[in-house]
Amino acid sequence: MRPRQQFTEEQKHKVKQALKSATNREEEQRVQAVLLRMEQGLRAVEIGKIIGLHTASIWKIHARFFKEGASIFKSKTHGGRLHENLSVAQEHKLLKPFLERTGRNNKHIVSSIKKAYEKVVARDVPLSTIYRMLERHGWDKEQTLLKK
């Protein structure tokens, strides 16, 4: 078995600061995983039982801490519109001309919006993309009217 890595004073200070600034449970658990090893000298199995994480997760946290430093404690955002065709502002700009036409046939309006959208993104999109965009901007699927 290889010898355990020792913590520098700077690392110890950063871990204690990270514990004070943890904003959610995940961040707190990562900090605690390192802190328990640093201050108590506990092994990954023991730390996992204390904070409720799998032993392999503790190993990963420790390895990432020694490789990347205290930056691992901050949570990265999950989700979002990672594959968006247009930003929300661009969608709003696209929908603006259709606000005056909301009194007409719904199918006509949705198909016109779909054609305009496809022209902007330069490819075909499913109808569900258009309905999700309309919902995002407060349009009712049944009535296709702006609720604002």
N, C-alpha and C. Protein backbone atom coordinates (compact mmCIF):
# COMPACT_ATOMS: atom_id res chain seq x y z
N MET A 1 0.84 -1.18 0.00
CA MET A 1 0.00 0.00 0.00
C MET A 1 0.89 1.24 0.00
N ARG A 2 0.53 2.20 -0.81
CA ARG A 2 1.34 3.41 -0.88
C ARG A 2 1.06 4.31 0.32
N PRO A 3 1.99 5.18 0.67
CA PRO A 3 1.76 6.08 1.81
C PRO A 3 0.69 7.11 1.49
N ARG A 4 -0.03 7.52 2.51
CA ARG A 4 -1.11 8.51 2.33
C ARG A 4 -0.53 9.89 2.09
N GLN A 5 -1.18 10.62 1.22
CA GLN A 5 -0.75 11.99 0.95
C GLN A 5 -1.05 12.87 2.15
N GLN A 6 -0.14 13.78 2.42
CA GLN A 6 -0.32 14.71 3.53
C GLN A 6 -0.93 16.01 3.00
N PHE A 7 -1.62 16.69 3.88
CA PHE A 7 -2.25 17.97 3.54
C PHE A 7 -1.32 19.11 3.90
N THR A 8 -1.23 20.09 3.02
CA THR A 8 -0.45 21.29 3.32
C THR A 8 -1.31 22.23 4.17
N GLU A 9 -0.68 23.20 4.78
CA GLU A 9 -1.42 24.18 5.58
C GLU A 9 -2.40 24.97 4.71
N GLU A 10 -1.99 25.27 3.50
CA GLU A 10 -2.88 26.00 2.58
C GLU A 10 -4.12 25.18 2.25
N GLN A 11 -3.93 23.88 1.99
CA GLN A 11 -5.06 23.00 1.71
C GLN A 11 -6.00 22.92 2.92
N LYS A 12 -5.43 22.81 4.10
CA LYS A 12 -6.25 22.75 5.31
C LYS A 12 -7.09 24.01 5.46
N HIS A 13 -6.48 25.15 5.21
CA HIS A 13 -7.19 26.43 5.31
C HIS A 13 -8.33 26.49 4.28
N LYS A 14 -8.04 26.07 3.05
CA LYS A 14 -9.06 26.11 1.99
C LYS A 14 -10.23 25.18 2.29
N VAL A 15 -9.96 24.02 2.86
CA VAL A 15 -11.03 23.07 3.19
C VAL A 15 -11.93 23.66 4.27
N LYS A 16 -11.33 24.28 5.29
CA LYS A 16 -12.13 24.88 6.36
C LYS A 16 -12.96 26.05 5.84
N GLN A 17 -12.40 26.83 4.93
CA GLN A 17 -13.16 27.93 4.32
C GLN A 17 -14.30 27.39 3.48
N ALA A 18 -14.04 26.30 2.75
CA ALA A 18 -15.07 25.70 1.90
C ALA A 18 -16.24 25.18 2.72
N LEU A 19 -15.96 24.66 3.91
CA LEU A 19 -17.03 24.17 4.78
C LEU A 19 -17.94 25.32 5.20
N LYS A 20 -17.37 26.49 5.45
CA LYS A 20 -18.17 27.65 5.85
C LYS A 20 -19.01 28.17 4.70
N SER A 21 -18.51 28.03 3.47
CA SER A 21 -19.23 28.60 2.33
C SER A 21 -20.04 27.58 1.53
N ALA A 22 -20.16 26.35 2.02
CA ALA A 22 -20.95 25.34 1.32
C ALA A 22 -22.41 25.77 1.26
N THR A 23 -23.00 25.68 0.07
CA THR A 23 -24.37 26.17 -0.11
C THR A 23 -25.42 25.06 -0.23
N ASN A 24 -24.99 23.82 -0.42
CA ASN A 24 -25.96 22.73 -0.49
C ASN A 24 -25.35 21.45 0.09
N ARG A 25 -26.16 20.42 0.16
CA ARG A 25 -25.76 19.17 0.80
C ARG A 25 -24.60 18.50 0.08
N GLU A 26 -24.63 18.51 -1.26
CA GLU A 26 -23.56 17.87 -2.03
C GLU A 26 -22.20 18.51 -1.74
N GLU A 27 -22.19 19.84 -1.74
CA GLU A 27 -20.93 20.54 -1.45
C GLU A 27 -20.45 20.21 -0.05
N GLU A 28 -21.37 20.22 0.89
CA GLU A 28 -21.01 19.94 2.29
C GLU A 28 -20.45 18.52 2.44
N GLN A 29 -21.04 17.55 1.76
CA GLN A 29 -20.55 16.18 1.85
C GLN A 29 -19.14 16.05 1.27
N ARG A 30 -18.89 16.73 0.15
CA ARG A 30 -17.53 16.66 -0.43
C ARG A 30 -16.51 17.26 0.52
N VAL A 31 -16.86 18.39 1.14
CA VAL A 31 -15.94 19.02 2.08
C VAL A 31 -15.72 18.12 3.29
N GLN A 32 -16.81 17.55 3.81
CA GLN A 32 -16.69 16.66 4.97
C GLN A 32 -15.83 15.44 4.66
N ALA A 33 -15.95 14.91 3.44
CA ALA A 33 -15.15 13.74 3.06
C ALA A 33 -13.66 14.05 3.16
N VAL A 34 -13.28 15.23 2.73
CA VAL A 34 -11.86 15.61 2.80
C VAL A 34 -11.48 15.99 4.22
N LEU A 35 -12.37 16.71 4.89
CA LEU A 35 -12.09 17.17 6.26
C LEU A 35 -11.90 16.01 7.23
N LEU A 36 -12.74 14.98 7.12
CA LEU A 36 -12.61 13.82 8.01
C LEU A 36 -11.29 13.08 7.78
N ARG A 37 -10.85 13.02 6.56
CA ARG A 37 -9.56 12.39 6.30
C ARG A 37 -8.43 13.27 6.82
N MET A 38 -8.59 14.57 6.62
CA MET A 38 -7.55 15.52 6.99
C MET A 38 -7.37 15.61 8.51
N GLU A 39 -8.48 15.74 9.23
CA GLU A 39 -8.38 15.96 10.68
C GLU A 39 -8.40 14.69 11.51
N GLN A 40 -9.16 13.70 11.07
CA GLN A 40 -9.30 12.48 11.87
C GLN A 40 -8.47 11.32 11.33
N GLY A 41 -7.99 11.44 10.10
CA GLY A 41 -7.21 10.36 9.50
C GLY A 41 -8.04 9.14 9.18
N LEU A 42 -9.34 9.32 8.98
CA LEU A 42 -10.23 8.19 8.71
C LEU A 42 -10.04 7.67 7.29
N ARG A 43 -10.36 6.40 7.11
CA ARG A 43 -10.29 5.76 5.80
C ARG A 43 -11.61 6.00 5.06
N ALA A 44 -11.59 5.76 3.75
CA ALA A 44 -12.75 6.01 2.90
C ALA A 44 -13.99 5.23 3.36
N VAL A 45 -13.81 4.00 3.79
CA VAL A 45 -14.95 3.17 4.24
C VAL A 45 -15.63 3.83 5.44
N GLU A 46 -14.83 4.28 6.39
CA GLU A 46 -15.37 4.92 7.59
C GLU A 46 -16.05 6.25 7.26
N ILE A 47 -15.41 7.03 6.40
CA ILE A 47 -15.98 8.33 6.00
C ILE A 47 -17.31 8.13 5.28
N GLY A 48 -17.36 7.13 4.41
CA GLY A 48 -18.58 6.83 3.67
C GLY A 48 -19.75 6.50 4.59
N LYS A 49 -19.48 5.73 5.64
CA LYS A 49 -20.54 5.39 6.59
C LYS A 49 -21.00 6.62 7.35
N ILE A 50 -20.10 7.51 7.67
CA ILE A 50 -20.44 8.70 8.45
C ILE A 50 -21.28 9.69 7.64
N ILE A 51 -20.86 9.96 6.40
CA ILE A 51 -21.57 11.00 5.64
C ILE A 51 -22.56 10.46 4.62
N GLY A 52 -22.64 9.14 4.48
CA GLY A 52 -23.67 8.55 3.64
C GLY A 52 -23.32 8.49 2.16
N LEU A 53 -22.05 8.33 1.84
CA LEU A 53 -21.64 8.17 0.45
C LEU A 53 -20.94 6.82 0.28
N HIS A 54 -20.95 6.32 -0.92
CA HIS A 54 -20.29 5.07 -1.23
C HIS A 54 -18.78 5.26 -1.15
N THR A 55 -18.08 4.21 -0.78
CA THR A 55 -16.63 4.26 -0.63
C THR A 55 -15.95 4.75 -1.91
N ALA A 56 -16.41 4.28 -3.06
CA ALA A 56 -15.82 4.71 -4.34
C ALA A 56 -15.99 6.21 -4.55
N SER A 57 -17.09 6.76 -4.09
CA SER A 57 -17.31 8.21 -4.20
C SER A 57 -16.30 8.97 -3.35
N ILE A 58 -16.02 8.44 -2.18
CA ILE A 58 -15.03 9.07 -1.30
C ILE A 58 -13.65 9.04 -1.94
N TRP A 59 -13.29 7.91 -2.54
CA TRP A 59 -12.00 7.82 -3.22
C TRP A 59 -11.90 8.86 -4.33
N LYS A 60 -13.00 9.00 -5.10
CA LYS A 60 -13.00 9.98 -6.20
C LYS A 60 -12.85 11.40 -5.67
N ILE A 61 -13.55 11.71 -4.59
CA ILE A 61 -13.46 13.04 -3.99
C ILE A 61 -12.03 13.33 -3.55
N HIS A 62 -11.42 12.37 -2.87
CA HIS A 62 -10.04 12.55 -2.40
C HIS A 62 -9.08 12.72 -3.58
N ALA A 63 -9.21 11.88 -4.58
CA ALA A 63 -8.33 11.95 -5.74
C ALA A 63 -8.49 13.29 -6.46
N ARG A 64 -9.74 13.72 -6.64
CA ARG A 64 -9.98 15.01 -7.30
C ARG A 64 -9.44 16.17 -6.47
N PHE A 65 -9.56 16.07 -5.14
CA PHE A 65 -9.06 17.15 -4.29
C PHE A 65 -7.55 17.29 -4.44
N PHE A 66 -6.83 16.18 -4.42
CA PHE A 66 -5.37 16.25 -4.53
C PHE A 66 -4.93 16.67 -5.94
N LYS A 67 -5.77 16.42 -6.92
CA LYS A 67 -5.42 16.79 -8.29
C LYS A 67 -5.85 18.22 -8.63
N GLU A 68 -7.10 18.60 -8.25
CA GLU A 68 -7.68 19.87 -8.67
C GLU A 68 -7.75 20.93 -7.57
N GLY A 69 -7.65 20.50 -6.32
CA GLY A 69 -7.72 21.45 -5.22
C GLY A 69 -9.14 21.70 -4.74
N ALA A 70 -9.32 22.80 -4.02
CA ALA A 70 -10.60 23.12 -3.38
C ALA A 70 -11.70 23.48 -4.37
N SER A 71 -11.38 23.64 -5.64
CA SER A 71 -12.41 23.98 -6.63
C SER A 71 -13.44 22.85 -6.79
N ILE A 72 -13.12 21.65 -6.36
CA ILE A 72 -14.06 20.52 -6.50
C ILE A 72 -15.26 20.66 -5.58
N PHE A 73 -15.17 21.51 -4.58
CA PHE A 73 -16.26 21.61 -3.61
C PHE A 73 -17.47 22.36 -4.17
N LYS A 74 -17.27 23.28 -5.09
CA LYS A 74 -18.38 24.04 -5.65
C LYS A 74 -19.16 23.18 -6.63
N SER A 75 -20.47 23.18 -6.50
CA SER A 75 -21.32 22.39 -7.38
C SER A 75 -21.40 23.02 -8.75
N LYS A 76 -21.38 22.17 -9.75
CA LYS A 76 -21.61 22.63 -11.10
C LYS A 76 -23.11 22.55 -11.36
N THR A 77 -23.59 23.46 -12.15
CA THR A 77 -25.02 23.45 -12.42
C THR A 77 -25.38 22.27 -13.30
N HIS A 78 -26.53 21.71 -13.05
CA HIS A 78 -27.05 20.60 -13.82
C HIS A 78 -28.22 21.09 -14.65
N GLY A 79 -28.42 20.47 -15.79
CA GLY A 79 -29.59 20.79 -16.60
C GLY A 79 -29.39 22.06 -17.40
N GLY A 80 -30.51 22.63 -17.79
CA GLY A 80 -30.45 23.83 -18.60
C GLY A 80 -30.74 23.50 -20.05
N ARG A 81 -30.73 24.50 -20.87
CA ARG A 81 -31.00 24.33 -22.29
C ARG A 81 -29.67 24.12 -23.02
N LEU A 82 -29.12 22.94 -22.88
CA LEU A 82 -27.80 22.66 -23.42
C LEU A 82 -27.79 22.56 -24.94
N HIS A 83 -28.91 22.20 -25.54
CA HIS A 83 -28.98 22.01 -26.99
C HIS A 83 -29.97 22.97 -27.62
N GLU A 84 -30.01 24.17 -27.12
CA GLU A 84 -30.98 25.13 -27.64
C GLU A 84 -30.60 25.56 -29.05
N ASN A 85 -31.64 25.77 -29.87
CA ASN A 85 -31.43 26.28 -31.22
C ASN A 85 -31.33 27.80 -31.20
N LEU A 86 -32.17 28.41 -30.39
CA LEU A 86 -32.23 29.87 -30.25
C LEU A 86 -32.25 30.22 -28.77
N SER A 87 -31.71 31.36 -28.42
CA SER A 87 -31.82 31.82 -27.04
C SER A 87 -33.26 32.27 -26.78
N VAL A 88 -33.62 32.45 -25.53
CA VAL A 88 -34.97 32.89 -25.18
C VAL A 88 -35.25 34.26 -25.81
N ALA A 89 -34.26 35.13 -25.83
CA ALA A 89 -34.43 36.46 -26.43
C ALA A 89 -34.67 36.35 -27.94
N GLN A 90 -33.94 35.45 -28.61
CA GLN A 90 -34.15 35.25 -30.04
C GLN A 90 -35.53 34.67 -30.32
N GLU A 91 -35.98 33.75 -29.45
CA GLU A 91 -37.32 33.19 -29.60
C GLU A 91 -38.37 34.28 -29.46
N HIS A 92 -38.19 35.15 -28.49
CA HIS A 92 -39.15 36.24 -28.26
C HIS A 92 -39.21 37.15 -29.49
N LYS A 93 -38.06 37.45 -30.04
CA LYS A 93 -38.00 38.30 -31.25
C LYS A 93 -38.71 37.61 -32.41
N LEU A 94 -38.56 36.29 -32.54
CA LEU A 94 -39.21 35.53 -33.59
C LEU A 94 -40.73 35.54 -33.43
N LEU A 95 -41.20 35.47 -32.18
CA LEU A 95 -42.64 35.40 -31.91
C LEU A 95 -43.35 36.75 -31.99
N LYS A 96 -42.61 37.83 -31.88
CA LYS A 96 -43.20 39.17 -31.83
C LYS A 96 -44.17 39.45 -32.98
N PRO A 97 -43.83 39.16 -34.24
CA PRO A 97 -44.76 39.45 -35.33
C PRO A 97 -46.07 38.65 -35.27
N PHE A 98 -46.04 37.53 -34.58
CA PHE A 98 -47.21 36.68 -34.51
C PHE A 98 -48.20 37.13 -33.44
N LEU A 99 -47.81 38.07 -32.59
CA LEU A 99 -48.69 38.56 -31.53
C LEU A 99 -49.97 39.16 -32.11
N GLU A 100 -49.85 39.86 -33.25
CA GLU A 100 -51.03 40.50 -33.85
C GLU A 100 -51.97 39.49 -34.49
N ARG A 101 -51.46 38.32 -34.84
CA ARG A 101 -52.26 37.33 -35.57
C ARG A 101 -52.92 36.29 -34.67
N THR A 102 -52.97 36.49 -33.39
CA THR A 102 -53.46 35.44 -32.48
C THR A 102 -54.95 35.17 -32.62
N GLY A 103 -55.71 36.02 -33.27
CA GLY A 103 -57.14 35.80 -33.42
C GLY A 103 -57.48 34.82 -34.52
N ARG A 104 -56.53 34.43 -35.34
CA ARG A 104 -56.79 33.54 -36.48
C ARG A 104 -56.75 32.06 -36.07
N ASN A 105 -56.85 31.22 -37.07
CA ASN A 105 -56.82 29.78 -36.88
C ASN A 105 -55.51 29.34 -36.22
N ASN A 106 -55.64 28.54 -35.16
CA ASN A 106 -54.46 28.10 -34.39
C ASN A 106 -53.46 27.33 -35.24
N LYS A 107 -53.95 26.40 -36.05
CA LYS A 107 -53.05 25.57 -36.86
C LYS A 107 -52.26 26.45 -37.82
N HIS A 108 -52.92 27.44 -38.36
CA HIS A 108 -52.25 28.35 -39.30
C HIS A 108 -51.13 29.11 -38.58
N ILE A 109 -51.41 29.57 -37.38
CA ILE A 109 -50.41 30.33 -36.62
C ILE A 109 -49.22 29.44 -36.26
N VAL A 110 -49.50 28.24 -35.75
CA VAL A 110 -48.42 27.34 -35.33
C VAL A 110 -47.59 26.92 -36.54
N SER A 111 -48.23 26.62 -37.65
CA SER A 111 -47.47 26.23 -38.83
C SER A 111 -46.64 27.39 -39.36
N SER A 112 -47.16 28.61 -39.28
CA SER A 112 -46.40 29.79 -39.71
C SER A 112 -45.19 30.00 -38.80
N ILE A 113 -45.41 29.84 -37.50
CA ILE A 113 -44.31 29.98 -36.55
C ILE A 113 -43.25 28.92 -36.82
N LYS A 114 -43.70 27.69 -37.08
CA LYS A 114 -42.78 26.58 -37.37
C LYS A 114 -41.94 26.90 -38.60
N LYS A 115 -42.57 27.40 -39.65
CA LYS A 115 -41.83 27.75 -40.87
C LYS A 115 -40.81 28.86 -40.59
N ALA A 116 -41.21 29.87 -39.84
CA ALA A 116 -40.29 30.97 -39.50
C ALA A 116 -39.13 30.45 -38.65
N TYR A 117 -39.43 29.59 -37.70
CA TYR A 117 -38.40 29.01 -36.83
C TYR A 117 -37.40 28.21 -37.66
N GLU A 118 -37.92 27.35 -38.53
CA GLU A 118 -37.05 26.52 -39.36
C GLU A 118 -36.19 27.36 -40.29
N LYS A 119 -36.73 28.47 -40.75
CA LYS A 119 -35.96 29.37 -41.61
C LYS A 119 -34.79 29.98 -40.83
N VAL A 120 -35.03 30.35 -39.58
CA VAL A 120 -33.98 30.95 -38.75
C VAL A 120 -32.89 29.94 -38.40
N VAL A 121 -33.29 28.72 -38.01
CA VAL A 121 -32.29 27.72 -37.60
C VAL A 121 -31.75 26.92 -38.78
N ALA A 122 -32.32 27.11 -39.96
CA ALA A 122 -31.87 26.48 -41.21
C ALA A 122 -31.92 24.95 -41.17
N ARG A 123 -32.96 24.42 -40.55
CA ARG A 123 -33.19 22.96 -40.57
C ARG A 123 -34.60 22.68 -40.08
N ASP A 124 -35.07 21.47 -40.35
CA ASP A 124 -36.40 21.07 -39.90
C ASP A 124 -36.38 20.81 -38.40
N VAL A 125 -37.48 21.15 -37.74
CA VAL A 125 -37.62 20.88 -36.31
C VAL A 125 -38.98 20.22 -36.08
N PRO A 126 -39.09 19.37 -35.07
CA PRO A 126 -40.39 18.76 -34.79
C PRO A 126 -41.37 19.80 -34.22
N LEU A 127 -42.64 19.51 -34.37
CA LEU A 127 -43.68 20.41 -33.88
C LEU A 127 -43.60 20.60 -32.37
N SER A 128 -43.10 19.56 -31.67
CA SER A 128 -42.98 19.66 -30.20
C SER A 128 -42.02 20.78 -29.80
N THR A 129 -41.01 21.03 -30.62
CA THR A 129 -40.07 22.13 -30.34
C THR A 129 -40.81 23.46 -30.36
N ILE A 130 -41.72 23.61 -31.31
CA ILE A 130 -42.49 24.85 -31.43
C ILE A 130 -43.43 25.00 -30.23
N TYR A 131 -44.11 23.92 -29.87
CA TYR A 131 -45.04 24.00 -28.73
C TYR A 131 -44.30 24.27 -27.42
N ARG A 132 -43.10 23.69 -27.25
CA ARG A 132 -42.31 23.99 -26.04
C ARG A 132 -41.89 25.45 -26.01
N MET A 133 -41.52 25.97 -27.17
CA MET A 133 -41.15 27.38 -27.25
C MET A 133 -42.35 28.26 -26.91
N LEU A 134 -43.51 27.93 -27.48
CA LEU A 134 -44.72 28.72 -27.20
C LEU A 134 -45.07 28.68 -25.72
N GLU A 135 -44.94 27.52 -25.12
CA GLU A 135 -45.23 27.40 -23.68
C GLU A 135 -44.23 28.21 -22.86
N ARG A 136 -42.97 28.20 -23.26
CA ARG A 136 -41.94 28.96 -22.58
C ARG A 136 -42.25 30.46 -22.58
N HIS A 137 -42.95 30.90 -23.61
CA HIS A 137 -43.26 32.32 -23.75
C HIS A 137 -44.70 32.65 -23.35
N GLY A 138 -45.35 31.72 -22.67
CA GLY A 138 -46.67 31.99 -22.11
C GLY A 138 -47.83 31.78 -23.05
N TRP A 139 -47.63 31.09 -24.16
CA TRP A 139 -48.73 30.81 -25.08
C TRP A 139 -49.44 29.55 -24.61
N ASP A 140 -50.75 29.51 -24.74
CA ASP A 140 -51.56 28.35 -24.39
C ASP A 140 -51.65 27.45 -25.61
N LYS A 141 -51.35 26.17 -25.47
CA LYS A 141 -51.36 25.24 -26.60
C LYS A 141 -52.74 25.12 -27.24
N GLU A 142 -53.76 25.13 -26.41
CA GLU A 142 -55.12 24.97 -26.93
C GLU A 142 -55.60 26.23 -27.66
N GLN A 143 -55.32 27.38 -27.10
CA GLN A 143 -55.84 28.61 -27.67
C GLN A 143 -54.80 29.37 -28.50
N THR A 144 -53.52 29.05 -28.30
CA THR A 144 -52.41 29.73 -28.96
C THR A 144 -52.54 31.24 -28.80
N LEU A 145 -52.82 31.65 -27.60
CA LEU A 145 -52.91 33.08 -27.29
C LEU A 145 -51.85 33.44 -26.27
N LEU A 146 -51.37 34.62 -26.36
CA LEU A 146 -50.39 35.09 -25.37
C LEU A 146 -51.13 35.43 -24.11
N LYS A 147 -50.69 34.89 -22.97
CA LYS A 147 -51.38 35.11 -21.69
C LYS A 147 -50.96 36.39 -21.01
N LYS A 148 -49.90 37.02 -21.45
CA LYS A 148 -49.37 38.19 -20.75
C LYS A 148 -50.28 39.38 -20.93
